[in-house]
């Protein structure tokens, strides 16, 4: 018998983000997370910051946006609040600076 994980919405989003970061394709993520392609796309857009309206290019990654804020002398707290990402993730970004 196969074990089934029941995840709440927040855990499911974190699971999808983890799979996206590992380079998994949407079809595989949908199968593993039991989530629609539409929801995967919404999460991907949210994580990457969406699209830049004036030139329709994809916005920079969350890491790039965070690095830019650090270059502007913003604090860790400012980055966490403005980007709405977990503190642990921002701390990981600071370790690569």
PDB file of N, CA and C in Angstrom:
ATOM      1  N   UNK A   1       0.832  -1.174   0.000  1.00  0.00           N
ATOM      2  CA  UNK A   1       0.000   0.000   0.000  1.00  0.00           C
ATOM      3  C   UNK A   1       0.882   1.245   0.000  1.00  0.00           C
ATOM      4  N   UNK A   2       0.519   2.208  -0.792  1.00  0.00           N
ATOM      5  CA  UNK A   2       1.285   3.427  -0.947  1.00  0.00           C
ATOM      6  C   UNK A   2       0.844   4.464   0.082  1.00  0.00           C
ATOM      7  N   UNK A   3       1.817   5.085   0.749  1.00  0.00           N
ATOM      8  CA  UNK A   3       1.504   6.113   1.747  1.00  0.00           C
ATOM      9  C   UNK A   3       1.101   7.404   1.041  1.00  0.00           C
ATOM     10  N   UNK A   4       0.116   8.071   1.591  1.00  0.00           N
ATOM     11  CA  UNK A   4      -0.364   9.323   1.026  1.00  0.00           C
ATOM     12  C   UNK A   4      -0.124  10.426   2.040  1.00  0.00           C
ATOM     13  N   UNK A   5       0.532  11.500   1.570  1.00  0.00           N
ATOM     14  CA  UNK A   5       0.767  12.647   2.442  1.00  0.00           C
ATOM     15  C   UNK A   5      -0.385  13.632   2.274  1.00  0.00           C
ATOM     16  N   UNK A   6      -0.897  14.116   3.367  1.00  0.00           N
ATOM     17  CA  UNK A   6      -1.924  15.151   3.327  1.00  0.00           C
ATOM     18  C   UNK A   6      -1.245  16.442   3.763  1.00  0.00           C
ATOM     19  N   UNK A   7      -1.186  17.404   2.841  1.00  0.00           N
ATOM     20  CA  UNK A   7      -0.510  18.661   3.124  1.00  0.00           C
ATOM     21  C   UNK A   7      -1.523  19.792   3.166  1.00  0.00           C
ATOM     22  N   UNK A   8      -1.307  20.744   4.099  1.00  0.00           N
ATOM     23  CA  UNK A   8      -2.166  21.919   4.073  1.00  0.00           C
ATOM     24  C   UNK A   8      -1.684  22.832   2.952  1.00  0.00           C
ATOM     25  N   UNK A   9      -2.393  23.908   2.691  1.00  0.00           N
ATOM     26  CA  UNK A   9      -2.092  24.774   1.550  1.00  0.00           C
ATOM     27  C   UNK A   9      -0.669  25.333   1.608  1.00  0.00           C
ATOM     28  N   UNK A  10      -0.231  25.751   2.781  1.00  0.00           N
ATOM     29  CA  UNK A  10       1.099  26.335   2.942  1.00  0.00           C
ATOM     30  C   UNK A  10       2.193  25.291   2.691  1.00  0.00           C
ATOM     31  N   UNK A  11       2.001  24.088   3.221  1.00  0.00           N
ATOM     32  CA  UNK A  11       2.972  23.014   3.002  1.00  0.00           C
ATOM     33  C   UNK A  11       3.018  22.615   1.527  1.00  0.00           C
ATOM     34  N   UNK A  12       1.854  22.606   0.881  1.00  0.00           N
ATOM     35  CA  UNK A  12       1.787  22.247  -0.524  1.00  0.00           C
ATOM     36  C   UNK A  12       2.541  23.280  -1.372  1.00  0.00           C
ATOM     37  N   UNK A  13       2.358  24.567  -1.050  1.00  0.00           N
ATOM     38  CA  UNK A  13       3.085  25.623  -1.760  1.00  0.00           C
ATOM     39  C   UNK A  13       4.585  25.453  -1.575  1.00  0.00           C
ATOM     40  N   UNK A  14       5.020  25.187  -0.347  1.00  0.00           N
ATOM     41  CA  UNK A  14       6.444  24.993  -0.073  1.00  0.00           C
ATOM     42  C   UNK A  14       6.979  23.787  -0.846  1.00  0.00           C
ATOM     43  N   UNK A  15       6.182  22.727  -0.928  1.00  0.00           N
ATOM     44  CA  UNK A  15       6.572  21.525  -1.661  1.00  0.00           C
ATOM     45  C   UNK A  15       6.726  21.843  -3.145  1.00  0.00           C
ATOM     46  N   UNK A  16       5.776  22.594  -3.707  1.00  0.00           N
ATOM     47  CA  UNK A  16       5.837  22.974  -5.116  1.00  0.00           C
ATOM     48  C   UNK A  16       7.057  23.856  -5.378  1.00  0.00           C
ATOM     49  N   UNK A  17       7.307  24.820  -4.508  1.00  0.00           N
ATOM     50  CA  UNK A  17       8.470  25.705  -4.659  1.00  0.00           C
ATOM     51  C   UNK A  17       9.756  24.896  -4.618  1.00  0.00           C
ATOM     52  N   UNK A  18       9.835  23.940  -3.710  1.00  0.00           N
ATOM     53  CA  UNK A  18      11.014  23.084  -3.612  1.00  0.00           C
ATOM     54  C   UNK A  18      11.218  22.302  -4.917  1.00  0.00           C
ATOM     55  N   UNK A  19      10.153  21.742  -5.450  1.00  0.00           N
ATOM     56  CA  UNK A  19      10.266  20.981  -6.704  1.00  0.00           C
ATOM     57  C   UNK A  19      10.645  21.893  -7.868  1.00  0.00           C
ATOM     58  N   UNK A  20      10.084  23.099  -7.905  1.00  0.00           N
ATOM     59  CA  UNK A  20      10.454  24.056  -8.954  1.00  0.00           C
ATOM     60  C   UNK A  20      11.933  24.408  -8.865  1.00  0.00           C
ATOM     61  N   UNK A  21      12.407  24.653  -7.650  1.00  0.00           N
ATOM     62  CA  UNK A  21      13.817  24.998  -7.452  1.00  0.00           C
ATOM     63  C   UNK A  21      14.740  23.858  -7.856  1.00  0.00           C
ATOM     64  N   UNK A  22      14.252  22.638  -7.757  1.00  0.00           N
ATOM     65  CA  UNK A  22      15.051  21.474  -8.146  1.00  0.00           C
ATOM     66  C   UNK A  22      14.963  21.193  -9.644  1.00  0.00           C
ATOM     67  N   UNK A  23      14.179  22.008 -10.359  1.00  0.00           N
ATOM     68  CA  UNK A  23      14.110  21.879 -11.805  1.00  0.00           C
ATOM     69  C   UNK A  23      13.069  20.911 -12.336  1.00  0.00           C
ATOM     70  N   UNK A  24      12.145  20.480 -11.487  1.00  0.00           N
ATOM     71  CA  UNK A  24      11.102  19.560 -11.944  1.00  0.00           C
ATOM     72  C   UNK A  24      10.137  20.278 -12.883  1.00  0.00           C
ATOM     73  N   UNK A  25       9.617  19.556 -13.845  1.00  0.00           N
ATOM     74  CA  UNK A  25       8.667  20.100 -14.799  1.00  0.00           C
ATOM     75  C   UNK A  25       7.264  20.112 -14.184  1.00  0.00           C
ATOM     76  N   UNK A  26       6.394  20.966 -14.726  1.00  0.00           N
ATOM     77  CA  UNK A  26       5.045  21.139 -14.192  1.00  0.00           C
ATOM     78  C   UNK A  26       4.265  19.832 -14.157  1.00  0.00           C
ATOM     79  N   UNK A  27       4.387  19.011 -15.170  1.00  0.00           N
ATOM     80  CA  UNK A  27       3.646  17.750 -15.213  1.00  0.00           C
ATOM     81  C   UNK A  27       4.023  16.856 -14.028  1.00  0.00           C
ATOM     82  N   UNK A  28       5.320  16.780 -13.742  1.00  0.00           N
ATOM     83  CA  UNK A  28       5.792  15.968 -12.623  1.00  0.00           C
ATOM     84  C   UNK A  28       5.334  16.553 -11.286  1.00  0.00           C
ATOM     85  N   UNK A  29       5.399  17.876 -11.174  1.00  0.00           N
ATOM     86  CA  UNK A  29       4.969  18.542  -9.940  1.00  0.00           C
ATOM     87  C   UNK A  29       3.473  18.310  -9.712  1.00  0.00           C
ATOM     88  N   UNK A  30       2.688  18.446 -10.773  1.00  0.00           N
ATOM     89  CA  UNK A  30       1.237  18.242 -10.664  1.00  0.00           C
ATOM     90  C   UNK A  30       0.928  16.836 -10.162  1.00  0.00           C
ATOM     91  N   UNK A  31       1.681  15.877 -10.665  1.00  0.00           N
ATOM     92  CA  UNK A  31       1.453  14.488 -10.270  1.00  0.00           C
ATOM     93  C   UNK A  31       1.843  14.258  -8.806  1.00  0.00           C
ATOM     94  N   UNK A  32       2.995  14.785  -8.409  1.00  0.00           N
ATOM     95  CA  UNK A  32       3.484  14.558  -7.043  1.00  0.00           C
ATOM     96  C   UNK A  32       2.691  15.336  -6.001  1.00  0.00           C
ATOM     97  N   UNK A  33       2.334  16.577  -6.324  1.00  0.00           N
ATOM     98  CA  UNK A  33       1.684  17.450  -5.343  1.00  0.00           C
ATOM     99  C   UNK A  33       0.157  17.419  -5.443  1.00  0.00           C
ATOM    100  N   UNK A  34      -0.355  16.742  -6.466  1.00  0.00           N
ATOM    101  CA  UNK A  34      -1.803  16.704  -6.691  1.00  0.00           C
ATOM    102  C   UNK A  34      -2.355  18.124  -6.769  1.00  0.00           C
ATOM    103  N   UNK A  35      -1.802  18.876  -7.705  1.00  0.00           N
ATOM    104  CA  UNK A  35      -2.147  20.285  -7.864  1.00  0.00           C
ATOM    105  C   UNK A  35      -2.284  20.575  -9.358  1.00  0.00           C
ATOM    106  N   UNK A  36      -3.103  21.550  -9.707  1.00  0.00           N
ATOM    107  CA  UNK A  36      -3.344  21.859 -11.114  1.00  0.00           C
ATOM    108  C   UNK A  36      -2.183  22.649 -11.712  1.00  0.00           C
ATOM    109  N   UNK A  37      -2.100  22.614 -13.048  1.00  0.00           N
ATOM    110  CA  UNK A  37      -1.079  23.393 -13.745  1.00  0.00           C
ATOM    111  C   UNK A  37      -1.274  24.888 -13.487  1.00  0.00           C
ATOM    112  N   UNK A  38      -2.528  25.302 -13.395  1.00  0.00           N
ATOM    113  CA  UNK A  38      -2.830  26.708 -13.116  1.00  0.00           C
ATOM    114  C   UNK A  38      -2.263  27.130 -11.770  1.00  0.00           C
ATOM    115  N   UNK A  39      -2.452  26.293 -10.743  1.00  0.00           N
ATOM    116  CA  UNK A  39      -1.925  26.621  -9.417  1.00  0.00           C
ATOM    117  C   UNK A  39      -0.398  26.615  -9.409  1.00  0.00           C
ATOM    118  N   UNK A  40       0.206  25.695 -10.154  1.00  0.00           N
ATOM    119  CA  UNK A  40       1.670  25.657 -10.255  1.00  0.00           C
ATOM    120  C   UNK A  40       2.168  26.953 -10.881  1.00  0.00           C
ATOM    121  N   UNK A  41       1.504  27.390 -11.950  1.00  0.00           N
ATOM    122  CA  UNK A  41       1.891  28.632 -12.622  1.00  0.00           C
ATOM    123  C   UNK A  41       1.754  29.825 -11.696  1.00  0.00           C
ATOM    124  N   UNK A  42       0.658  29.877 -10.930  1.00  0.00           N
ATOM    125  CA  UNK A  42       0.458  30.979  -9.983  1.00  0.00           C
ATOM    126  C   UNK A  42       1.573  31.019  -8.949  1.00  0.00           C
ATOM    127  N   UNK A  43       1.942  29.856  -8.430  1.00  0.00           N
ATOM    128  CA  UNK A  43       3.022  29.789  -7.441  1.00  0.00           C
ATOM    129  C   UNK A  43       4.336  30.216  -8.071  1.00  0.00           C
ATOM    130  N   UNK A  44       4.592  29.745  -9.289  1.00  0.00           N
ATOM    131  CA  UNK A  44       5.844  30.098  -9.979  1.00  0.00           C
ATOM    132  C   UNK A  44       5.922  31.605 -10.213  1.00  0.00           C
ATOM    133  N   UNK A  45       4.831  32.210 -10.639  1.00  0.00           N
ATOM    134  CA  UNK A  45       4.809  33.663 -10.862  1.00  0.00           C
ATOM    135  C   UNK A  45       5.008  34.400  -9.543  1.00  0.00           C
ATOM    136  N   UNK A  46       4.363  33.923  -8.472  1.00  0.00           N
ATOM    137  CA  UNK A  46       4.506  34.563  -7.163  1.00  0.00           C
ATOM    138  C   UNK A  46       5.960  34.500  -6.688  1.00  0.00           C
ATOM    139  N   UNK A  47       6.594  33.335  -6.861  1.00  0.00           N
ATOM    140  CA  UNK A  47       7.971  33.150  -6.396  1.00  0.00           C
ATOM    141  C   UNK A  47       8.946  33.998  -7.210  1.00  0.00           C
ATOM    142  N   UNK A  48       8.755  34.070  -8.508  1.00  0.00           N
ATOM    143  CA  UNK A  48       9.693  34.808  -9.359  1.00  0.00           C
ATOM    144  C   UNK A  48       9.405  36.296  -9.399  1.00  0.00           C
ATOM    145  N   UNK A  49       8.310  36.706  -8.793  1.00  0.00           N
ATOM    146  CA  UNK A  49       7.982  38.119  -8.789  1.00  0.00           C
ATOM    147  C   UNK A  49       7.084  38.522  -9.934  1.00  0.00           C
ATOM    148  N   UNK A  50       6.624  37.580 -10.721  1.00  0.00           N
ATOM    149  CA  UNK A  50       5.690  37.869 -11.801  1.00  0.00           C
ATOM    150  C   UNK A  50       6.361  38.404 -13.042  1.00  0.00           C
ATOM    151  N   UNK A  51       5.669  39.243 -13.735  1.00  0.00           N
ATOM    152  CA  UNK A  51       6.142  39.788 -15.001  1.00  0.00           C
ATOM    153  C   UNK A  51       6.258  41.291 -14.905  1.00  0.00           C
ATOM    154  N   UNK A  52       7.230  41.828 -15.623  1.00  0.00           N
ATOM    155  CA  UNK A  52       7.402  43.271 -15.689  1.00  0.00           C
ATOM    156  C   UNK A  52       6.450  43.768 -16.763  1.00  0.00           C
ATOM    157  N   UNK A  53       5.527  44.633 -16.403  1.00  0.00           N
ATOM    158  CA  UNK A  53       4.475  45.049 -17.324  1.00  0.00           C
ATOM    159  C   UNK A  53       4.991  45.845 -18.515  1.00  0.00           C
ATOM    160  N   UNK A  54       5.975  46.725 -18.311  1.00  0.00           N
ATOM    161  CA  UNK A  54       6.382  47.610 -19.399  1.00  0.00           C
ATOM    162  C   UNK A  54       7.101  46.894 -20.532  1.00  0.00           C
ATOM    163  N   UNK A  55       7.812  45.808 -20.278  1.00  0.00           N
ATOM    164  CA  UNK A  55       8.493  45.123 -21.372  1.00  0.00           C
ATOM    165  C   UNK A  55       8.143  43.641 -21.456  1.00  0.00           C
ATOM    166  N   UNK A  56       7.196  43.198 -20.640  1.00  0.00           N
ATOM    167  CA  UNK A  56       6.688  41.816 -20.658  1.00  0.00           C
ATOM    168  C   UNK A  56       7.771  40.768 -20.431  1.00  0.00           C
ATOM    169  N   UNK A  57       8.903  41.163 -19.896  1.00  0.00           N
ATOM    170  CA  UNK A  57       9.949  40.193 -19.566  1.00  0.00           C
ATOM    171  C   UNK A  57       9.712  39.689 -18.158  1.00  0.00           C
ATOM    172  N   UNK A  58      10.187  38.482 -17.926  1.00  0.00           N
ATOM    173  CA  UNK A  58      10.061  37.921 -16.593  1.00  0.00           C
ATOM    174  C   UNK A  58      10.888  38.737 -15.607  1.00  0.00           C
ATOM    175  N   UNK A  59      10.328  38.953 -14.447  1.00  0.00           N
ATOM    176  CA  UNK A  59      11.052  39.682 -13.411  1.00  0.00           C
ATOM    177  C   UNK A  59      12.195  38.828 -12.872  1.00  0.00           C
ATOM    178  N   UNK A  60      13.081  39.466 -12.168  1.00  0.00           N
ATOM    179  CA  UNK A  60      14.208  38.748 -11.581  1.00  0.00           C
ATOM    180  C   UNK A  60      13.731  37.798 -10.487  1.00  0.00           C
ATOM    181  N   UNK A  61      14.547  36.807 -10.207  1.00  0.00           N
ATOM    182  CA  UNK A  61      14.204  35.827  -9.180  1.00  0.00           C
ATOM    183  C   UNK A  61      14.115  36.501  -7.812  1.00  0.00           C
ATOM    184  N   UNK A  62      13.522  35.787  -6.881  1.00  0.00           N
ATOM    185  CA  UNK A  62      13.376  36.303  -5.526  1.00  0.00           C
ATOM    186  C   UNK A  62      14.759  36.557  -4.921  1.00  0.00           C
ATOM    187  N   UNK A  63      15.722  35.699  -5.219  1.00  0.00           N
ATOM    188  CA  UNK A  63      17.085  35.884  -4.713  1.00  0.00           C
ATOM    189  C   UNK A  63      17.678  37.175  -5.269  1.00  0.00           C
ATOM    190  N   UNK A  64      17.517  37.404  -6.567  1.00  0.00           N
ATOM    191  CA  UNK A  64      18.054  38.619  -7.182  1.00  0.00           C
ATOM    192  C   UNK A  64      17.410  39.866  -6.603  1.00  0.00           C
ATOM    193  N   UNK A  65      16.095  39.805  -6.405  1.00  0.00           N
ATOM    194  CA  UNK A  65      15.401  40.947  -5.815  1.00  0.00           C
ATOM    195  C   UNK A  65      15.912  41.215  -4.403  1.00  0.00           C
ATOM    196  N   UNK A  66      16.166  40.141  -3.654  1.00  0.00           N
ATOM    197  CA  UNK A  66      16.679  40.285  -2.286  1.00  0.00           C
ATOM    198  C   UNK A  66      18.079  40.875  -2.293  1.00  0.00           C
ATOM    199  N   UNK A  67      18.950  40.388  -3.194  1.00  0.00           N
ATOM    200  CA  UNK A  67      20.312  40.915  -3.288  1.00  0.00           C
ATOM    201  C   UNK A  67      20.286  42.409  -3.608  1.00  0.00           C
ATOM    202  N   UNK A  68      19.393  42.803  -4.504  1.00  0.00           N
ATOM    203  CA  UNK A  68      19.288  44.209  -4.868  1.00  0.00           C
ATOM    204  C   UNK A  68      18.922  45.045  -3.646  1.00  0.00           C
ATOM    205  N   UNK A  69      18.008  44.532  -2.838  1.00  0.00           N
ATOM    206  CA  UNK A  69      17.621  45.261  -1.632  1.00  0.00           C
ATOM    207  C   UNK A  69      18.787  45.376  -0.657  1.00  0.00           C
ATOM    208  N   UNK A  70      19.589  44.305  -0.531  1.00  0.00           N
ATOM    209  CA  UNK A  70      20.761  44.371   0.339  1.00  0.00           C
ATOM    210  C   UNK A  70      21.752  45.409  -0.177  1.00  0.00           C
ATOM    211  N   UNK A  71      21.912  45.500  -1.507  1.00  0.00           N
ATOM    212  CA  UNK A  71      22.791  46.511  -2.084  1.00  0.00           C
ATOM    213  C   UNK A  71      22.295  47.922  -1.786  1.00  0.00           C
ATOM    214  N   UNK A  72      20.981  48.057  -1.621  1.00  0.00           N
ATOM    215  CA  UNK A  72      20.380  49.341  -1.280  1.00  0.00           C
ATOM    216  C   UNK A  72      20.377  49.572   0.232  1.00  0.00           C
ATOM    217  N   UNK A  73      21.159  48.741   0.956  1.00  0.00           N
ATOM    218  CA  UNK A  73      21.294  48.828   2.415  1.00  0.00           C
ATOM    219  C   UNK A  73      19.989  48.598   3.178  1.00  0.00           C
ATOM    220  N   UNK A  74      19.122  47.784   2.614  1.00  0.00           N
ATOM    221  CA  UNK A  74      17.902  47.398   3.326  1.00  0.00           C
ATOM    222  C   UNK A  74      18.262  46.304   4.323  1.00  0.00           C
ATOM    223  N   UNK A  75      17.541  46.257   5.420  1.00  0.00           N
ATOM    224  CA  UNK A  75      17.817  45.257   6.448  1.00  0.00           C
ATOM    225  C   UNK A  75      17.189  43.911   6.080  1.00  0.00           C
ATOM    226  N   UNK A  76      17.607  42.894   6.798  1.00  0.00           N
ATOM    227  CA  UNK A  76      17.045  41.557   6.633  1.00  0.00           C
ATOM    228  C   UNK A  76      15.536  41.587   6.837  1.00  0.00           C
ATOM    229  N   UNK A  77      15.095  42.313   7.841  1.00  0.00           N
ATOM    230  CA  UNK A  77      13.668  42.422   8.139  1.00  0.00           C
ATOM    231  C   UNK A  77      12.925  43.080   6.977  1.00  0.00           C
ATOM    232  N   UNK A  78      13.502  44.138   6.407  1.00  0.00           N
ATOM    233  CA  UNK A  78      12.884  44.804   5.260  1.00  0.00           C
ATOM    234  C   UNK A  78      12.694  43.836   4.093  1.00  0.00           C
ATOM    235  N   UNK A  79      13.717  43.021   3.845  1.00  0.00           N
ATOM    236  CA  UNK A  79      13.662  42.069   2.733  1.00  0.00           C
ATOM    237  C   UNK A  79      12.590  41.014   2.991  1.00  0.00           C
ATOM    238  N   UNK A  80      12.565  40.476   4.190  1.00  0.00           N
ATOM    239  CA  UNK A  80      11.573  39.447   4.541  1.00  0.00           C
ATOM    240  C   UNK A  80      10.158  39.991   4.372  1.00  0.00           C
ATOM    241  N   UNK A  81       9.918  41.191   4.872  1.00  0.00           N
ATOM    242  CA  UNK A  81       8.573  41.765   4.812  1.00  0.00           C
ATOM    243  C   UNK A  81       8.184  42.126   3.382  1.00  0.00           C
ATOM    244  N   UNK A  82       9.047  42.814   2.671  1.00  0.00           N
ATOM    245  CA  UNK A  82       8.673  43.276   1.329  1.00  0.00           C
ATOM    246  C   UNK A  82       8.554  42.142   0.315  1.00  0.00           C
ATOM    247  N   UNK A  83       9.361  41.100   0.467  1.00  0.00           N
ATOM    248  CA  UNK A  83       9.322  39.979  -0.481  1.00  0.00           C
ATOM    249  C   UNK A  83       8.369  38.882  -0.024  1.00  0.00           C
ATOM    250  N   UNK A  84       7.924  38.953   1.225  1.00  0.00           N
ATOM    251  CA  UNK A  84       6.999  37.961   1.785  1.00  0.00           C
ATOM    252  C   UNK A  84       7.545  36.536   1.635  1.00  0.00           C
ATOM    253  N   UNK A  85       8.795  36.375   2.050  1.00  0.00           N
ATOM    254  CA  UNK A  85       9.437  35.057   2.015  1.00  0.00           C
ATOM    255  C   UNK A  85       9.946  34.716   3.412  1.00  0.00           C
ATOM    256  N   UNK A  86      10.121  33.437   3.686  1.00  0.00           N
ATOM    257  CA  UNK A  86      10.565  33.032   5.027  1.00  0.00           C
ATOM    258  C   UNK A  86      11.937  33.600   5.388  1.00  0.00           C
ATOM    259  N   UNK A  87      12.095  33.931   6.652  1.00  0.00           N
ATOM    260  CA  UNK A  87      13.362  34.470   7.152  1.00  0.00           C
ATOM    261  C   UNK A  87      14.526  33.538   6.835  1.00  0.00           C
ATOM    262  N   UNK A  88      14.302  32.243   7.000  1.00  0.00           N
ATOM    263  CA  UNK A  88      15.366  31.263   6.741  1.00  0.00           C
ATOM    264  C   UNK A  88      15.865  31.349   5.301  1.00  0.00           C
ATOM    265  N   UNK A  89      14.946  31.591   4.372  1.00  0.00           N
ATOM    266  CA  UNK A  89      15.336  31.687   2.968  1.00  0.00           C
ATOM    267  C   UNK A  89      16.203  32.928   2.731  1.00  0.00           C
ATOM    268  N   UNK A  90      15.841  34.046   3.343  1.00  0.00           N
ATOM    269  CA  UNK A  90      16.632  35.267   3.189  1.00  0.00           C
ATOM    270  C   UNK A  90      18.000  35.097   3.838  1.00  0.00           C
ATOM    271  N   UNK A  91      18.043  34.422   4.978  1.00  0.00           N
ATOM    272  CA  UNK A  91      19.329  34.162   5.641  1.00  0.00           C
ATOM    273  C   UNK A  91      20.223  33.330   4.730  1.00  0.00           C
ATOM    274  N   UNK A  92      19.653  32.351   4.033  1.00  0.00           N
ATOM    275  CA  UNK A  92      20.423  31.547   3.065  1.00  0.00           C
ATOM    276  C   UNK A  92      20.998  32.436   1.977  1.00  0.00           C
ATOM    277  N   UNK A  93      20.212  33.430   1.504  1.00  0.00           N
ATOM    278  CA  UNK A  93      20.696  34.358   0.490  1.00  0.00           C
ATOM    279  C   UNK A  93      21.897  35.129   1.011  1.00  0.00           C
ATOM    280  N   UNK A  94      21.851  35.551   2.292  1.00  0.00           N
ATOM    281  CA  UNK A  94      22.939  36.349   2.834  1.00  0.00           C
ATOM    282  C   UNK A  94      24.229  35.539   2.960  1.00  0.00           C
ATOM    283  N   UNK A  95      24.116  34.231   3.078  1.00  0.00           N
ATOM    284  CA  UNK A  95      25.315  33.385   3.172  1.00  0.00           C
ATOM    285  C   UNK A  95      26.079  33.332   1.869  1.00  0.00           C
ATOM    286  N   UNK A  96      25.431  33.683   0.755  1.00  0.00           N
ATOM    287  CA  UNK A  96      26.101  33.621  -0.552  1.00  0.00           C
ATOM    288  C   UNK A  96      26.700  34.947  -0.950  1.00  0.00           C
ATOM    289  N   UNK A  97      26.485  35.987  -0.134  1.00  0.00           N
ATOM    290  CA  UNK A  97      27.019  37.312  -0.468  1.00  0.00           C
ATOM    291  C   UNK A  97      28.483  37.377  -0.125  1.00  0.00           C
TER     292      UNK A  97
END
